[in-house]
mmCIF file of all heavy atoms, coordinates in Angstrom:
data_MODEL
# 
_entry.id   MODEL 
# 
loop_
_atom_site.group_PDB 
_atom_site.id 
_atom_site.type_symbol 
_atom_site.label_atom_id 
_atom_site.label_alt_id 
_atom_site.label_comp_id 
_atom_site.label_asym_id 
_atom_site.label_entity_id 
_atom_site.label_seq_id 
_atom_site.pdbx_PDB_ins_code 
_atom_site.Cartn_x 
_atom_site.Cartn_y 
_atom_site.Cartn_z 
_atom_site.occupancy 
_atom_site.B_iso_or_equiv 
_atom_site.pdbx_formal_charge 
_atom_site.auth_seq_id 
_atom_site.auth_comp_id 
_atom_site.auth_asym_id 
_atom_site.auth_atom_id 
_atom_site.pdbx_PDB_model_num 
ATOM 1   N N   . LYS A 1 1  ? 7.514   9.941   -13.721 1.00 0.00 ? 1  LYS A N   1 
ATOM 2   C CA  . LYS A 1 1  ? 6.455   10.719  -13.007 1.00 0.00 ? 1  LYS A CA  1 
ATOM 3   C C   . LYS A 1 1  ? 5.218   9.886   -12.925 1.00 0.00 ? 1  LYS A C   1 
ATOM 4   O O   . LYS A 1 1  ? 4.462   9.697   -11.870 1.00 0.00 ? 1  LYS A O   1 
ATOM 5   C CB  . LYS A 1 1  ? 6.207   11.967  -13.747 1.00 0.00 ? 1  LYS A CB  1 
ATOM 6   C CG  . LYS A 1 1  ? 5.120   12.888  -13.021 1.00 0.00 ? 1  LYS A CG  1 
ATOM 7   C CD  . LYS A 1 1  ? 4.786   14.050  -13.779 1.00 0.00 ? 1  LYS A CD  1 
ATOM 8   C CE  . LYS A 1 1  ? 3.762   14.906  -13.087 1.00 0.00 ? 1  LYS A CE  1 
ATOM 9   N NZ  . LYS A 1 1  ? 3.668   16.259  -13.785 1.00 0.00 ? 1  LYS A NZ  1 
ATOM 10  N N   . GLN A 1 2  ? 4.782   9.155   -13.984 1.00 0.00 ? 2  GLN A N   1 
ATOM 11  C CA  . GLN A 1 2  ? 3.571   8.333   -13.999 1.00 0.00 ? 2  GLN A CA  1 
ATOM 12  C C   . GLN A 1 2  ? 3.848   7.153   -13.057 1.00 0.00 ? 2  GLN A C   1 
ATOM 13  O O   . GLN A 1 2  ? 2.818   6.702   -12.370 1.00 0.00 ? 2  GLN A O   1 
ATOM 14  C CB  . GLN A 1 2  ? 3.375   7.869   -15.438 1.00 0.00 ? 2  GLN A CB  1 
ATOM 15  C CG  . GLN A 1 2  ? 2.799   8.999   -16.238 1.00 0.00 ? 2  GLN A CG  1 
ATOM 16  C CD  . GLN A 1 2  ? 2.628   8.415   -17.772 1.00 0.00 ? 2  GLN A CD  1 
ATOM 17  O OE1 . GLN A 1 2  ? 2.979   7.354   -18.071 1.00 0.00 ? 2  GLN A OE1 1 
ATOM 18  N NE2 . GLN A 1 2  ? 2.001   9.341   -18.507 1.00 0.00 ? 2  GLN A NE2 1 
ATOM 19  N N   . LEU A 1 3  ? 4.973   6.570   -13.054 1.00 0.00 ? 3  LEU A N   1 
ATOM 20  C CA  . LEU A 1 3  ? 5.214   5.454   -12.127 1.00 0.00 ? 3  LEU A CA  1 
ATOM 21  C C   . LEU A 1 3  ? 5.148   5.859   -10.738 1.00 0.00 ? 3  LEU A C   1 
ATOM 22  O O   . LEU A 1 3  ? 4.631   5.133   -9.824  1.00 0.00 ? 3  LEU A O   1 
ATOM 23  C CB  . LEU A 1 3  ? 6.617   4.876   -12.385 1.00 0.00 ? 3  LEU A CB  1 
ATOM 24  C CG  . LEU A 1 3  ? 6.790   4.111   -13.644 1.00 0.00 ? 3  LEU A CG  1 
ATOM 25  C CD1 . LEU A 1 3  ? 8.254   3.621   -13.742 1.00 0.00 ? 3  LEU A CD1 1 
ATOM 26  C CD2 . LEU A 1 3  ? 5.881   2.957   -13.833 1.00 0.00 ? 3  LEU A CD2 1 
ATOM 27  N N   . ARG A 1 4  ? 5.673   7.047   -10.284 1.00 0.00 ? 4  ARG A N   1 
ATOM 28  C CA  . ARG A 1 4  ? 5.624   7.573   -8.953  1.00 0.00 ? 4  ARG A CA  1 
ATOM 29  C C   . ARG A 1 4  ? 4.129   7.772   -8.588  1.00 0.00 ? 4  ARG A C   1 
ATOM 30  O O   . ARG A 1 4  ? 3.746   7.548   -7.534  1.00 0.00 ? 4  ARG A O   1 
ATOM 31  C CB  . ARG A 1 4  ? 6.525   8.911   -8.780  1.00 0.00 ? 4  ARG A CB  1 
ATOM 32  C CG  . ARG A 1 4  ? 7.985   8.550   -8.817  1.00 0.00 ? 4  ARG A CG  1 
ATOM 33  C CD  . ARG A 1 4  ? 8.736   9.803   -8.132  1.00 0.00 ? 4  ARG A CD  1 
ATOM 34  N NE  . ARG A 1 4  ? 10.093  9.575   -8.135  1.00 0.00 ? 4  ARG A NE  1 
ATOM 35  C CZ  . ARG A 1 4  ? 10.775  8.861   -7.157  1.00 0.00 ? 4  ARG A CZ  1 
ATOM 36  N NH1 . ARG A 1 4  ? 10.174  8.286   -6.269  1.00 0.00 ? 4  ARG A NH1 1 
ATOM 37  N NH2 . ARG A 1 4  ? 12.092  8.769   -7.292  1.00 0.00 ? 4  ARG A NH2 1 
ATOM 38  N N   . ASN A 1 5  ? 3.390   8.409   -9.471  1.00 0.00 ? 5  ASN A N   1 
ATOM 39  C CA  . ASN A 1 5  ? 1.954   8.619   -9.230  1.00 0.00 ? 5  ASN A CA  1 
ATOM 40  C C   . ASN A 1 5  ? 1.258   7.343   -8.972  1.00 0.00 ? 5  ASN A C   1 
ATOM 41  O O   . ASN A 1 5  ? 0.373   7.211   -8.019  1.00 0.00 ? 5  ASN A O   1 
ATOM 42  C CB  . ASN A 1 5  ? 1.366   9.399   -10.345 1.00 0.00 ? 5  ASN A CB  1 
ATOM 43  C CG  . ASN A 1 5  ? 1.787   10.803  -10.391 1.00 0.00 ? 5  ASN A CG  1 
ATOM 44  O OD1 . ASN A 1 5  ? 2.332   11.426  -9.400  1.00 0.00 ? 5  ASN A OD1 1 
ATOM 45  N ND2 . ASN A 1 5  ? 1.691   11.482  -11.591 1.00 0.00 ? 5  ASN A ND2 1 
ATOM 46  N N   . LEU A 1 6  ? 1.635   6.276   -9.798  1.00 0.00 ? 6  LEU A N   1 
ATOM 47  C CA  . LEU A 1 6  ? 1.031   4.927   -9.736  1.00 0.00 ? 6  LEU A CA  1 
ATOM 48  C C   . LEU A 1 6  ? 1.345   4.373   -8.374  1.00 0.00 ? 6  LEU A C   1 
ATOM 49  O O   . LEU A 1 6  ? 0.499   3.834   -7.583  1.00 0.00 ? 6  LEU A O   1 
ATOM 50  C CB  . LEU A 1 6  ? 1.381   4.147   -10.795 1.00 0.00 ? 6  LEU A CB  1 
ATOM 51  C CG  . LEU A 1 6  ? 0.874   2.679   -10.757 1.00 0.00 ? 6  LEU A CG  1 
ATOM 52  C CD1 . LEU A 1 6  ? -0.543  2.654   -11.026 1.00 0.00 ? 6  LEU A CD1 1 
ATOM 53  C CD2 . LEU A 1 6  ? 1.595   1.792   -11.841 1.00 0.00 ? 6  LEU A CD2 1 
ATOM 54  N N   . SER A 1 7  ? 2.572   4.491   -7.858  1.00 0.00 ? 7  SER A N   1 
ATOM 55  C CA  . SER A 1 7  ? 3.045   3.928   -6.607  1.00 0.00 ? 7  SER A CA  1 
ATOM 56  C C   . SER A 1 7  ? 2.401   4.702   -5.490  1.00 0.00 ? 7  SER A C   1 
ATOM 57  O O   . SER A 1 7  ? 1.974   4.046   -4.531  1.00 0.00 ? 7  SER A O   1 
ATOM 58  C CB  . SER A 1 7  ? 4.556   4.148   -6.473  1.00 0.00 ? 7  SER A CB  1 
ATOM 59  O OG  . SER A 1 7  ? 5.187   3.419   -7.497  1.00 0.00 ? 7  SER A OG  1 
ATOM 60  N N   . LYS A 1 8  ? 2.242   6.015   -5.504  1.00 0.00 ? 8  LYS A N   1 
ATOM 61  C CA  . LYS A 1 8  ? 1.629   6.814   -4.515  1.00 0.00 ? 8  LYS A CA  1 
ATOM 62  C C   . LYS A 1 8  ? 0.117   6.420   -4.364  1.00 0.00 ? 8  LYS A C   1 
ATOM 63  O O   . LYS A 1 8  ? -0.408  6.292   -3.310  1.00 0.00 ? 8  LYS A O   1 
ATOM 64  C CB  . LYS A 1 8  ? 1.729   8.334   -4.844  1.00 0.00 ? 8  LYS A CB  1 
ATOM 65  C CG  . LYS A 1 8  ? 1.181   9.229   -3.745  1.00 0.00 ? 8  LYS A CG  1 
ATOM 66  C CD  . LYS A 1 8  ? 1.392   10.702  -4.121  1.00 0.00 ? 8  LYS A CD  1 
ATOM 67  C CE  . LYS A 1 8  ? 0.885   11.643  -3.136  1.00 0.00 ? 8  LYS A CE  1 
ATOM 68  N NZ  . LYS A 1 8  ? 1.094   13.037  -3.425  1.00 0.00 ? 8  LYS A NZ  1 
ATOM 69  N N   . LYS A 1 9  ? -0.500  6.062   -5.498  1.00 0.00 ? 9  LYS A N   1 
ATOM 70  C CA  . LYS A 1 9  ? -1.922  5.742   -5.507  1.00 0.00 ? 9  LYS A CA  1 
ATOM 71  C C   . LYS A 1 9  ? -2.160  4.454   -4.776  1.00 0.00 ? 9  LYS A C   1 
ATOM 72  O O   . LYS A 1 9  ? -3.095  4.320   -4.056  1.00 0.00 ? 9  LYS A O   1 
ATOM 73  C CB  . LYS A 1 9  ? -2.510  5.662   -6.936  1.00 0.00 ? 9  LYS A CB  1 
ATOM 74  C CG  . LYS A 1 9  ? -3.871  5.307   -7.064  1.00 0.00 ? 9  LYS A CG  1 
ATOM 75  C CD  . LYS A 1 9  ? -4.276  5.299   -8.657  1.00 0.00 ? 9  LYS A CD  1 
ATOM 76  C CE  . LYS A 1 9  ? -5.678  4.820   -8.704  1.00 0.00 ? 9  LYS A CE  1 
ATOM 77  N NZ  . LYS A 1 9  ? -6.060  4.704   -10.195 1.00 0.00 ? 9  LYS A NZ  1 
ATOM 78  N N   . TYR A 1 10 ? -1.287  3.478   -4.993  1.00 0.00 ? 10 TYR A N   1 
ATOM 79  C CA  . TYR A 1 10 ? -1.495  2.213   -4.420  1.00 0.00 ? 10 TYR A CA  1 
ATOM 80  C C   . TYR A 1 10 ? -0.750  1.930   -3.124  1.00 0.00 ? 10 TYR A C   1 
ATOM 81  O O   . TYR A 1 10 ? -0.794  0.754   -2.637  1.00 0.00 ? 10 TYR A O   1 
ATOM 82  C CB  . TYR A 1 10 ? -1.129  1.159   -5.514  1.00 0.00 ? 10 TYR A CB  1 
ATOM 83  C CG  . TYR A 1 10 ? -2.232  1.025   -6.531  1.00 0.00 ? 10 TYR A CG  1 
ATOM 84  C CD1 . TYR A 1 10 ? -2.137  1.711   -7.677  1.00 0.00 ? 10 TYR A CD1 1 
ATOM 85  C CD2 . TYR A 1 10 ? -3.331  0.182   -6.315  1.00 0.00 ? 10 TYR A CD2 1 
ATOM 86  C CE1 . TYR A 1 10 ? -3.112  1.665   -8.619  1.00 0.00 ? 10 TYR A CE1 1 
ATOM 87  C CE2 . TYR A 1 10 ? -4.369  0.087   -7.387  1.00 0.00 ? 10 TYR A CE2 1 
ATOM 88  C CZ  . TYR A 1 10 ? -4.171  0.889   -8.561  1.00 0.00 ? 10 TYR A CZ  1 
ATOM 89  O OH  . TYR A 1 10 ? -5.225  0.800   -9.464  1.00 0.00 ? 10 TYR A OH  1 
ATOM 90  N N   . LEU A 1 11 ? -0.014  2.923   -2.594  1.00 0.00 ? 11 LEU A N   1 
ATOM 91  C CA  . LEU A 1 11 ? 0.724   2.752   -1.416  1.00 0.00 ? 11 LEU A CA  1 
ATOM 92  C C   . LEU A 1 11 ? -0.223  2.952   -0.257  1.00 0.00 ? 11 LEU A C   1 
ATOM 93  O O   . LEU A 1 11 ? -0.793  3.974   -0.045  1.00 0.00 ? 11 LEU A O   1 
ATOM 94  C CB  . LEU A 1 11 ? 1.934   3.775   -1.225  1.00 0.00 ? 11 LEU A CB  1 
ATOM 95  C CG  . LEU A 1 11 ? 2.755   3.549   -0.095  1.00 0.00 ? 11 LEU A CG  1 
ATOM 96  C CD1 . LEU A 1 11 ? 3.499   2.124   -0.214  1.00 0.00 ? 11 LEU A CD1 1 
ATOM 97  C CD2 . LEU A 1 11 ? 3.820   4.642   0.023   1.00 0.00 ? 11 LEU A CD2 1 
ATOM 98  N N   . LYS A 1 12 ? -0.484  1.834   0.555   1.00 0.00 ? 12 LYS A N   1 
ATOM 99  C CA  . LYS A 1 12 ? -1.459  1.888   1.668   1.00 0.00 ? 12 LYS A CA  1 
ATOM 100 C C   . LYS A 1 12 ? -1.018  2.535   2.888   1.00 0.00 ? 12 LYS A C   1 
ATOM 101 O O   . LYS A 1 12 ? 0.243   2.433   3.257   1.00 0.00 ? 12 LYS A O   1 
ATOM 102 C CB  . LYS A 1 12 ? -1.892  0.502   2.000   1.00 0.00 ? 12 LYS A CB  1 
ATOM 103 C CG  . LYS A 1 12 ? -2.674  -0.091  0.808   1.00 0.00 ? 12 LYS A CG  1 
ATOM 104 C CD  . LYS A 1 12 ? -3.282  -1.503  1.340   1.00 0.00 ? 12 LYS A CD  1 
ATOM 105 C CE  . LYS A 1 12 ? -4.210  -2.113  0.278   1.00 0.00 ? 12 LYS A CE  1 
ATOM 106 N NZ  . LYS A 1 12 ? -4.764  -3.401  0.642   1.00 0.00 ? 12 LYS A NZ  1 
ATOM 107 N N   . ARG A 1 13 ? -1.863  3.289   3.584   1.00 0.00 ? 13 ARG A N   1 
ATOM 108 C CA  . ARG A 1 13 ? -1.526  3.858   4.884   1.00 0.00 ? 13 ARG A CA  1 
ATOM 109 C C   . ARG A 1 13 ? -2.679  3.755   5.819   1.00 0.00 ? 13 ARG A C   1 
ATOM 110 O O   . ARG A 1 13 ? -3.803  3.611   5.333   1.00 0.00 ? 13 ARG A O   1 
ATOM 111 C CB  . ARG A 1 13 ? -1.170  5.367   4.642   1.00 0.00 ? 13 ARG A CB  1 
ATOM 112 C CG  . ARG A 1 13 ? -0.040  5.694   3.818   1.00 0.00 ? 13 ARG A CG  1 
ATOM 113 C CD  . ARG A 1 13 ? 0.329   7.124   3.658   1.00 0.00 ? 13 ARG A CD  1 
ATOM 114 N NE  . ARG A 1 13 ? 1.532   7.339   2.898   1.00 0.00 ? 13 ARG A NE  1 
ATOM 115 C CZ  . ARG A 1 13 ? 1.604   7.480   1.534   1.00 0.00 ? 13 ARG A CZ  1 
ATOM 116 N NH1 . ARG A 1 13 ? 0.432   7.288   0.894   1.00 0.00 ? 13 ARG A NH1 1 
ATOM 117 N NH2 . ARG A 1 13 ? 2.722   7.732   0.982   1.00 0.00 ? 13 ARG A NH2 1 
ATOM 118 N N   . GLY A 1 14 ? -2.423  3.796   7.113   1.00 0.00 ? 14 GLY A N   1 
ATOM 119 C CA  . GLY A 1 14 ? -3.485  3.730   8.021   1.00 0.00 ? 14 GLY A CA  1 
ATOM 120 C C   . GLY A 1 14 ? -3.471  2.521   8.771   1.00 0.00 ? 14 GLY A C   1 
ATOM 121 O O   . GLY A 1 14 ? -2.983  1.509   8.443   1.00 0.00 ? 14 GLY A O   1 
ATOM 122 N N   . SER A 1 15 ? -4.201  2.495   9.937   1.00 0.00 ? 15 SER A N   1 
ATOM 123 C CA  . SER A 1 15 ? -4.133  1.282   10.873  1.00 0.00 ? 15 SER A CA  1 
ATOM 124 C C   . SER A 1 15 ? -4.785  -0.065  10.244  1.00 0.00 ? 15 SER A C   1 
ATOM 125 O O   . SER A 1 15 ? -4.216  -1.022  10.399  1.00 0.00 ? 15 SER A O   1 
ATOM 126 C CB  . SER A 1 15 ? -4.841  1.670   12.203  1.00 0.00 ? 15 SER A CB  1 
ATOM 127 O OG  . SER A 1 15 ? -6.200  1.971   11.863  1.00 0.00 ? 15 SER A OG  1 
ATOM 128 N N   . LYS A 1 16 ? -5.923  0.187   9.551   1.00 0.00 ? 16 LYS A N   1 
ATOM 129 C CA  . LYS A 1 16 ? -6.502  -0.867  8.946   1.00 0.00 ? 16 LYS A CA  1 
ATOM 130 C C   . LYS A 1 16 ? -5.676  -1.537  7.811   1.00 0.00 ? 16 LYS A C   1 
ATOM 131 O O   . LYS A 1 16 ? -5.463  -2.797  7.666   1.00 0.00 ? 16 LYS A O   1 
ATOM 132 C CB  . LYS A 1 16 ? -7.883  -0.544  8.293   1.00 0.00 ? 16 LYS A CB  1 
ATOM 133 C CG  . LYS A 1 16 ? -8.605  -1.696  7.670   1.00 0.00 ? 16 LYS A CG  1 
ATOM 134 C CD  . LYS A 1 16 ? -9.920  -1.221  7.174   1.00 0.00 ? 16 LYS A CD  1 
ATOM 135 C CE  . LYS A 1 16 ? -10.527 -2.402  6.362   1.00 0.00 ? 16 LYS A CE  1 
ATOM 136 N NZ  . LYS A 1 16 ? -11.906 -1.911  5.774   1.00 0.00 ? 16 LYS A NZ  1 
ATOM 137 N N   . GLU A 1 17 ? -5.036  -0.624  7.086   1.00 0.00 ? 17 GLU A N   1 
ATOM 138 C CA  . GLU A 1 17 ? -4.129  -1.038  5.944   1.00 0.00 ? 17 GLU A CA  1 
ATOM 139 C C   . GLU A 1 17 ? -2.843  -1.744  6.521   1.00 0.00 ? 17 GLU A C   1 
ATOM 140 O O   . GLU A 1 17 ? -2.320  -2.640  5.992   1.00 0.00 ? 17 GLU A O   1 
ATOM 141 C CB  . GLU A 1 17 ? -3.793  0.056   5.010   1.00 0.00 ? 17 GLU A CB  1 
ATOM 142 C CG  . GLU A 1 17 ? -5.045  0.542   4.261   1.00 0.00 ? 17 GLU A CG  1 
ATOM 143 C CD  . GLU A 1 17 ? -4.837  1.927   3.548   1.00 0.00 ? 17 GLU A CD  1 
ATOM 144 O OE1 . GLU A 1 17 ? -3.931  2.580   3.986   1.00 0.00 ? 17 GLU A OE1 1 
ATOM 145 O OE2 . GLU A 1 17 ? -5.611  2.281   2.789   1.00 0.00 ? 17 GLU A OE2 1 
ATOM 146 N N   . GLU A 1 18 ? -2.326  -1.104  7.656   1.00 0.00 ? 18 GLU A N   1 
ATOM 147 C CA  . GLU A 1 18 ? -1.196  -1.804  8.267   1.00 0.00 ? 18 GLU A CA  1 
ATOM 148 C C   . GLU A 1 18 ? -1.489  -3.219  8.678   1.00 0.00 ? 18 GLU A C   1 
ATOM 149 O O   . GLU A 1 18 ? -0.665  -4.098  8.692   1.00 0.00 ? 18 GLU A O   1 
ATOM 150 C CB  . GLU A 1 18 ? -0.749  -0.862  9.452   1.00 0.00 ? 18 GLU A CB  1 
ATOM 151 C CG  . GLU A 1 18 ? -0.162  0.467   8.928   1.00 0.00 ? 18 GLU A CG  1 
ATOM 152 C CD  . GLU A 1 18 ? 0.260   1.331   10.241  1.00 0.00 ? 18 GLU A CD  1 
ATOM 153 O OE1 . GLU A 1 18 ? -0.159  0.890   11.367  1.00 0.00 ? 18 GLU A OE1 1 
ATOM 154 O OE2 . GLU A 1 18 ? 0.649   2.488   9.976   1.00 0.00 ? 18 GLU A OE2 1 
ATOM 155 N N   . GLN A 1 19 ? -2.724  -3.305  9.237   1.00 0.00 ? 19 GLN A N   1 
ATOM 156 C CA  . GLN A 1 19 ? -3.085  -4.743  9.707   1.00 0.00 ? 19 GLN A CA  1 
ATOM 157 C C   . GLN A 1 19 ? -3.206  -5.624  8.532   1.00 0.00 ? 19 GLN A C   1 
ATOM 158 O O   . GLN A 1 19 ? -2.757  -6.841  8.668   1.00 0.00 ? 19 GLN A O   1 
ATOM 159 C CB  . GLN A 1 19 ? -4.480  -4.699  10.387  1.00 0.00 ? 19 GLN A CB  1 
ATOM 160 C CG  . GLN A 1 19 ? -4.912  -6.036  11.056  1.00 0.00 ? 19 GLN A CG  1 
ATOM 161 C CD  . GLN A 1 19 ? -6.208  -5.848  11.751  1.00 0.00 ? 19 GLN A CD  1 
ATOM 162 O OE1 . GLN A 1 19 ? -6.902  -4.865  11.635  1.00 0.00 ? 19 GLN A OE1 1 
ATOM 163 N NE2 . GLN A 1 19 ? -6.674  -6.942  12.448  1.00 0.00 ? 19 GLN A NE2 1 
ATOM 164 N N   . GLU A 1 20 ? -3.748  -5.124  7.398   1.00 0.00 ? 20 GLU A N   1 
ATOM 165 C CA  . GLU A 1 20 ? -3.756  -6.090  6.144   1.00 0.00 ? 20 GLU A CA  1 
ATOM 166 C C   . GLU A 1 20 ? -2.392  -6.375  5.652   1.00 0.00 ? 20 GLU A C   1 
ATOM 167 O O   . GLU A 1 20 ? -2.148  -7.567  5.135   1.00 0.00 ? 20 GLU A O   1 
ATOM 168 C CB  . GLU A 1 20 ? -4.493  -5.292  5.114   1.00 0.00 ? 20 GLU A CB  1 
ATOM 169 C CG  . GLU A 1 20 ? -6.004  -5.048  5.317   1.00 0.00 ? 20 GLU A CG  1 
ATOM 170 C CD  . GLU A 1 20 ? -6.720  -4.418  4.215   1.00 0.00 ? 20 GLU A CD  1 
ATOM 171 O OE1 . GLU A 1 20 ? -5.941  -3.792  3.403   1.00 0.00 ? 20 GLU A OE1 1 
ATOM 172 O OE2 . GLU A 1 20 ? -7.993  -4.282  4.198   1.00 0.00 ? 20 GLU A OE2 1 
ATOM 173 N N   . CYS A 1 21 ? -1.385  -5.530  5.912   1.00 0.00 ? 21 CYS A N   1 
ATOM 174 C CA  . CYS A 1 21 ? -0.086  -5.783  5.508   1.00 0.00 ? 21 CYS A CA  1 
ATOM 175 C C   . CYS A 1 21 ? 0.587   -7.006  6.268   1.00 0.00 ? 21 CYS A C   1 
ATOM 176 O O   . CYS A 1 21 ? 1.746   -7.435  6.025   1.00 0.00 ? 21 CYS A O   1 
ATOM 177 C CB  . CYS A 1 21 ? 0.852   -4.478  5.547   1.00 0.00 ? 21 CYS A CB  1 
ATOM 178 S SG  . CYS A 1 21 ? 0.510   -3.301  4.232   1.00 0.00 ? 21 CYS A SG  1 
ATOM 179 N N   . GLY A 1 22 ? -0.023  -7.385  7.403   1.00 0.00 ? 22 GLY A N   1 
ATOM 180 C CA  . GLY A 1 22 ? 0.344   -8.551  8.069   1.00 0.00 ? 22 GLY A CA  1 
ATOM 181 C C   . GLY A 1 22 ? 0.237   -9.858  7.249   1.00 0.00 ? 22 GLY A C   1 
ATOM 182 O O   . GLY A 1 22 ? 0.865   -10.811 7.532   1.00 0.00 ? 22 GLY A O   1 
ATOM 183 N N   . PHE A 1 23 ? -0.565  -9.797  6.285   1.00 0.00 ? 23 PHE A N   1 
ATOM 184 C CA  . PHE A 1 23 ? -0.655  -10.921 5.405   1.00 0.00 ? 23 PHE A CA  1 
ATOM 185 C C   . PHE A 1 23 ? 0.381   -10.837 4.217   1.00 0.00 ? 23 PHE A C   1 
ATOM 186 O O   . PHE A 1 23 ? 0.668   -9.823  3.746   1.00 0.00 ? 23 PHE A O   1 
ATOM 187 C CB  . PHE A 1 23 ? -2.112  -10.998 4.780   1.00 0.00 ? 23 PHE A CB  1 
ATOM 188 C CG  . PHE A 1 23 ? -3.184  -11.153 5.839   1.00 0.00 ? 23 PHE A CG  1 
ATOM 189 C CD1 . PHE A 1 23 ? -3.964  -10.109 6.070   1.00 0.00 ? 23 PHE A CD1 1 
ATOM 190 C CD2 . PHE A 1 23 ? -3.270  -12.258 6.435   1.00 0.00 ? 23 PHE A CD2 1 
ATOM 191 C CE1 . PHE A 1 23 ? -4.938  -10.179 7.020   1.00 0.00 ? 23 PHE A CE1 1 
ATOM 192 C CE2 . PHE A 1 23 ? -4.351  -12.497 7.433   1.00 0.00 ? 23 PHE A CE2 1 
ATOM 193 C CZ  . PHE A 1 23 ? -5.217  -11.418 7.629   1.00 0.00 ? 23 PHE A CZ  1 
ATOM 194 N N   . THR A 1 24 ? 0.868   -11.986 3.908   1.00 0.00 ? 24 THR A N   1 
ATOM 195 C CA  . THR A 1 24 ? 2.037   -11.944 2.940   1.00 0.00 ? 24 THR A CA  1 
ATOM 196 C C   . THR A 1 24 ? 1.521   -11.462 1.573   1.00 0.00 ? 24 THR A C   1 
ATOM 197 O O   . THR A 1 24 ? 2.372   -10.696 0.900   1.00 0.00 ? 24 THR A O   1 
ATOM 198 C CB  . THR A 1 24 ? 2.581   -13.474 2.763   1.00 0.00 ? 24 THR A CB  1 
ATOM 199 O OG1 . THR A 1 24 ? 1.580   -14.317 2.319   1.00 0.00 ? 24 THR A OG1 1 
ATOM 200 C CG2 . THR A 1 24 ? 3.248   -13.842 4.117   1.00 0.00 ? 24 THR A CG2 1 
ATOM 201 N N   . ASN A 1 25 ? 0.353   -11.732 1.112   1.00 0.00 ? 25 ASN A N   1 
ATOM 202 C CA  . ASN A 1 25 ? -0.058  -11.209 -0.113  1.00 0.00 ? 25 ASN A CA  1 
ATOM 203 C C   . ASN A 1 25 ? -0.272  -9.787  -0.200  1.00 0.00 ? 25 ASN A C   1 
ATOM 204 O O   . ASN A 1 25 ? -0.047  -9.113  -1.143  1.00 0.00 ? 25 ASN A O   1 
ATOM 205 C CB  . ASN A 1 25 ? -1.230  -12.010 -0.629  1.00 0.00 ? 25 ASN A CB  1 
ATOM 206 C CG  . ASN A 1 25 ? -2.511  -11.838 0.243   1.00 0.00 ? 25 ASN A CG  1 
ATOM 207 O OD1 . ASN A 1 25 ? -3.489  -11.083 0.020   1.00 0.00 ? 25 ASN A OD1 1 
ATOM 208 N ND2 . ASN A 1 25 ? -2.569  -12.480 1.433   1.00 0.00 ? 25 ASN A ND2 1 
ATOM 209 N N   . HIS A 1 26 ? -0.661  -9.237  0.953   1.00 0.00 ? 26 HIS A N   1 
ATOM 210 C CA  . HIS A 1 26 ? -0.873  -7.718  1.021   1.00 0.00 ? 26 HIS A CA  1 
ATOM 211 C C   . HIS A 1 26 ? 0.589   -7.060  1.082   1.00 0.00 ? 26 HIS A C   1 
ATOM 212 O O   . HIS A 1 26 ? 0.748   -6.076  0.430   1.00 0.00 ? 26 HIS A O   1 
ATOM 213 C CB  . HIS A 1 26 ? -1.584  -7.381  2.255   1.00 0.00 ? 26 HIS A CB  1 
ATOM 214 C CG  . HIS A 1 26 ? -3.237  -7.648  2.047   1.00 0.00 ? 26 HIS A CG  1 
ATOM 215 N ND1 . HIS A 1 26 ? -4.015  -6.697  1.544   1.00 0.00 ? 26 HIS A ND1 1 
ATOM 216 C CD2 . HIS A 1 26 ? -3.976  -8.736  2.361   1.00 0.00 ? 26 HIS A CD2 1 
ATOM 217 C CE1 . HIS A 1 26 ? -5.201  -7.249  1.569   1.00 0.00 ? 26 HIS A CE1 1 
ATOM 218 N NE2 . HIS A 1 26 ? -5.162  -8.433  2.019   1.00 0.00 ? 26 HIS A NE2 1 
ATOM 219 N N   . GLN A 1 27 ? 1.387   -7.688  1.952   1.00 0.00 ? 27 GLN A N   1 
ATOM 220 C CA  . GLN A 1 27 ? 2.730   -7.165  2.234   1.00 0.00 ? 27 GLN A CA  1 
ATOM 221 C C   . GLN A 1 27 ? 3.551   -7.162  0.856   1.00 0.00 ? 27 GLN A C   1 
ATOM 222 O O   . GLN A 1 27 ? 4.345   -6.298  0.517   1.00 0.00 ? 27 GLN A O   1 
ATOM 223 C CB  . GLN A 1 27 ? 3.508   -7.838  3.301   1.00 0.00 ? 27 GLN A CB  1 
ATOM 224 C CG  . GLN A 1 27 ? 4.787   -7.185  3.625   1.00 0.00 ? 27 GLN A CG  1 
ATOM 225 C CD  . GLN A 1 27 ? 4.781   -5.746  4.042   1.00 0.00 ? 27 GLN A CD  1 
ATOM 226 O OE1 . GLN A 1 27 ? 4.015   -5.383  4.839   1.00 0.00 ? 27 GLN A OE1 1 
ATOM 227 N NE2 . GLN A 1 27 ? 5.567   -4.975  3.363   1.00 0.00 ? 27 GLN A NE2 1 
# 
């Protein structure tokens, strides 16, 4: 449960975050 909450907290969403995921270190 703690791992899932941690993953949910740091999982990015949104157009700006999607653009950041274009970089290998973000992705």
